[in-house]
Amino acid sequence: MTRNRKHKLVRELGMYFAEKGKIVPAREYKVANDRPNFLTMKEIVKVMGSYTAAVEWIEKYEPELWGIIHQVEKVEEKEAPLAKLAQAKTGS
């Protein structure tokens, strides 16, 4: 497949993951009703070779989308230490 076609597919798949806020597992993606109609699992495998390769391309060639996809997880991690700090008692 042409590189341009791969980049287009990866960009669209990355946008879908960004909307979901996570990387959707292949089995879940296959049965999802809200995925783009033209991005079937068959099309992803035909163009990219595998679903995993498509996800790896998102990480490598679309770092902005990768950051957006994983931003939700980072925010949750940052809130946890602050919550612990707020509950901590001072020793006076």
C-alpha atoms as a PDB file:
ATOM      1  CA  MET A   1       0.000   0.000   0.000  1.00  0.00           C
ATOM      2  CA  THR A   2       1.076   3.545  -0.529  1.00  0.00           C
ATOM      3  CA  ARG A   3       2.540   5.435   2.381  1.00  0.00           C
ATOM      4  CA  ASN A   4      -0.013   8.221   1.925  1.00  0.00           C
ATOM      5  CA  ARG A   5      -2.885   5.748   2.332  1.00  0.00           C
ATOM      6  CA  LYS A   6      -1.300   4.352   5.487  1.00  0.00           C
ATOM      7  CA  HIS A   7      -0.881   7.820   6.978  1.00  0.00           C
ATOM      8  CA  LYS A   8      -4.519   8.684   6.222  1.00  0.00           C
ATOM      9  CA  LEU A   9      -5.762   5.481   7.854  1.00  0.00           C
ATOM     10  CA  VAL A  10      -3.531   5.991  10.896  1.00  0.00           C
ATOM     11  CA  ARG A  11      -4.710   9.604  11.284  1.00  0.00           C
ATOM     12  CA  GLU A  12      -8.386   8.575  11.141  1.00  0.00           C
ATOM     13  CA  LEU A  13      -7.867   5.680  13.553  1.00  0.00           C
ATOM     14  CA  GLY A  14      -5.964   7.985  15.903  1.00  0.00           C
ATOM     15  CA  MET A  15      -8.821  10.504  15.841  1.00  0.00           C
ATOM     16  CA  TYR A  16     -11.242   7.726  16.786  1.00  0.00           C
ATOM     17  CA  PHE A  17      -9.017   6.682  19.694  1.00  0.00           C
ATOM     18  CA  ALA A  18      -8.694  10.319  20.794  1.00  0.00           C
ATOM     19  CA  GLU A  19     -12.496  10.617  20.908  1.00  0.00           C
ATOM     20  CA  LYS A  20     -12.649   7.458  23.021  1.00  0.00           C
ATOM     21  CA  GLY A  21      -9.760   8.593  25.234  1.00  0.00           C
ATOM     22  CA  LYS A  22      -7.966   5.257  24.973  1.00  0.00           C
ATOM     23  CA  ILE A  23      -6.565   2.680  22.580  1.00  0.00           C
ATOM     24  CA  VAL A  24      -9.493   0.372  21.932  1.00  0.00           C
ATOM     25  CA  PRO A  25      -8.596  -3.353  21.874  1.00  0.00           C
ATOM     26  CA  ALA A  26      -9.014  -5.038  18.478  1.00  0.00           C
ATOM     27  CA  ARG A  27     -11.961  -7.194  19.543  1.00  0.00           C
ATOM     28  CA  GLU A  28     -13.791  -4.200  20.973  1.00  0.00           C
ATOM     29  CA  TYR A  29     -13.031  -2.117  17.861  1.00  0.00           C
ATOM     30  CA  LYS A  30     -14.368  -4.865  15.601  1.00  0.00           C
ATOM     31  CA  VAL A  31     -17.842  -4.750  17.182  1.00  0.00           C
ATOM     32  CA  ALA A  32     -17.965  -1.001  17.912  1.00  0.00           C
ATOM     33  CA  ASN A  33     -20.975   0.755  16.412  1.00  0.00           C
ATOM     34  CA  ASP A  34     -19.470   4.238  16.602  1.00  0.00           C
ATOM     35  CA  ARG A  35     -16.295   3.581  14.597  1.00  0.00           C
ATOM     36  CA  PRO A  36     -15.859   5.175  11.155  1.00  0.00           C
ATOM     37  CA  ASN A  37     -17.734   3.116   8.552  1.00  0.00           C
ATOM     38  CA  PHE A  38     -14.843   2.932   6.097  1.00  0.00           C
ATOM     39  CA  LEU A  39     -12.352   1.841   8.777  1.00  0.00           C
ATOM     40  CA  THR A  40     -13.296  -1.792   9.101  1.00  0.00           C
ATOM     41  CA  MET A  41     -10.919  -4.290  10.645  1.00  0.00           C
ATOM     42  CA  LYS A  42     -10.538  -5.847   7.196  1.00  0.00           C
ATOM     43  CA  GLU A  43      -9.423  -2.497   5.738  1.00  0.00           C
ATOM     44  CA  ILE A  44      -6.958  -1.870   8.581  1.00  0.00           C
ATOM     45  CA  VAL A  45      -5.347  -5.293   8.121  1.00  0.00           C
ATOM     46  CA  LYS A  46      -5.320  -4.885   4.325  1.00  0.00           C
ATOM     47  CA  VAL A  47      -3.534  -1.525   4.462  1.00  0.00           C
ATOM     48  CA  MET A  48      -1.366  -1.874   7.578  1.00  0.00           C
ATOM     49  CA  GLY A  49      -0.792  -5.626   7.857  1.00  0.00           C
ATOM     50  CA  SER A  50      -2.197  -5.805  11.386  1.00  0.00           C
ATOM     51  CA  TYR A  51      -4.140  -3.797  13.948  1.00  0.00           C
ATOM     52  CA  THR A  52      -1.062  -3.670  16.173  1.00  0.00           C
ATOM     53  CA  ALA A  53       0.996  -2.148  13.354  1.00  0.00           C
ATOM     54  CA  ALA A  54      -1.634   0.575  12.940  1.00  0.00           C
ATOM     55  CA  VAL A  55      -1.448   1.402  16.657  1.00  0.00           C
ATOM     56  CA  GLU A  56       2.365   1.474  16.496  1.00  0.00           C
ATOM     57  CA  TRP A  57       2.184   3.874  13.525  1.00  0.00           C
ATOM     58  CA  ILE A  58      -0.061   6.194  15.533  1.00  0.00           C
ATOM     59  CA  GLU A  59       2.589   6.320  18.255  1.00  0.00           C
ATOM     60  CA  LYS A  60       5.413   6.875  15.758  1.00  0.00           C
ATOM     61  CA  TYR A  61       3.875   9.205  13.139  1.00  0.00           C
ATOM     62  CA  GLU A  62       1.074  10.974  15.033  1.00  0.00           C
ATOM     63  CA  PRO A  63       2.657  11.961  18.381  1.00  0.00           C
ATOM     64  CA  GLU A  64       0.119  14.762  18.938  1.00  0.00           C
ATOM     65  CA  LEU A  65      -2.779  12.305  18.714  1.00  0.00           C
ATOM     66  CA  TRP A  66      -0.880   9.809  20.859  1.00  0.00           C
ATOM     67  CA  GLY A  67      -0.540  12.487  23.535  1.00  0.00           C
ATOM     68  CA  ILE A  68      -4.239  13.339  23.350  1.00  0.00           C
ATOM     69  CA  ILE A  69      -5.200   9.665  23.592  1.00  0.00           C
ATOM     70  CA  HIS A  70      -3.102   9.143  26.731  1.00  0.00           C
ATOM     71  CA  GLN A  71      -3.763  12.541  28.324  1.00  0.00           C
ATOM     72  CA  VAL A  72      -6.776  11.266  30.251  1.00  0.00           C
ATOM     73  CA  GLU A  73      -4.628   8.643  31.969  1.00  0.00           C
ATOM     74  CA  LYS A  74      -1.992  11.237  32.911  1.00  0.00           C
ATOM     75  CA  VAL A  75      -4.587  13.552  34.469  1.00  0.00           C
ATOM     76  CA  GLU A  76      -5.933  10.725  36.617  1.00  0.00           C
ATOM     77  CA  GLU A  77      -2.409   9.883  37.799  1.00  0.00           C
ATOM     78  CA  LYS A  78      -1.730  13.507  38.761  1.00  0.00           C
ATOM     79  CA  GLU A  79      -4.958  13.820  40.763  1.00  0.00           C
ATOM     80  CA  ALA A  80      -4.220  10.805  42.940  1.00  0.00           C
ATOM     81  CA  PRO A  81      -1.108  12.248  44.697  1.00  0.00           C
ATOM     82  CA  LEU A  82      -2.922  15.522  45.346  1.00  0.00           C
ATOM     83  CA  ALA A  83      -5.824  13.683  46.921  1.00  0.00           C
ATOM     84  CA  LYS A  84      -3.412  11.823  49.205  1.00  0.00           C
ATOM     85  CA  LEU A  85      -1.717  15.088  50.151  1.00  0.00           C
ATOM     86  CA  ALA A  86      -5.043  16.716  51.009  1.00  0.00           C
ATOM     87  CA  GLN A  87      -5.934  13.829  53.309  1.00  0.00           C
ATOM     88  CA  ALA A  88      -2.536  13.774  55.039  1.00  0.00           C
ATOM     89  CA  LYS A  89      -2.469  15.003  58.639  1.00  0.00           C
ATOM     90  CA  THR A  90       0.219  17.317  59.881  1.00  0.00           C
ATOM     91  CA  GLY A  91       2.190  16.177  62.891  1.00  0.00           C
ATOM     92  CA  SER A  92       1.933  19.096  65.339  1.00  0.00           C
END
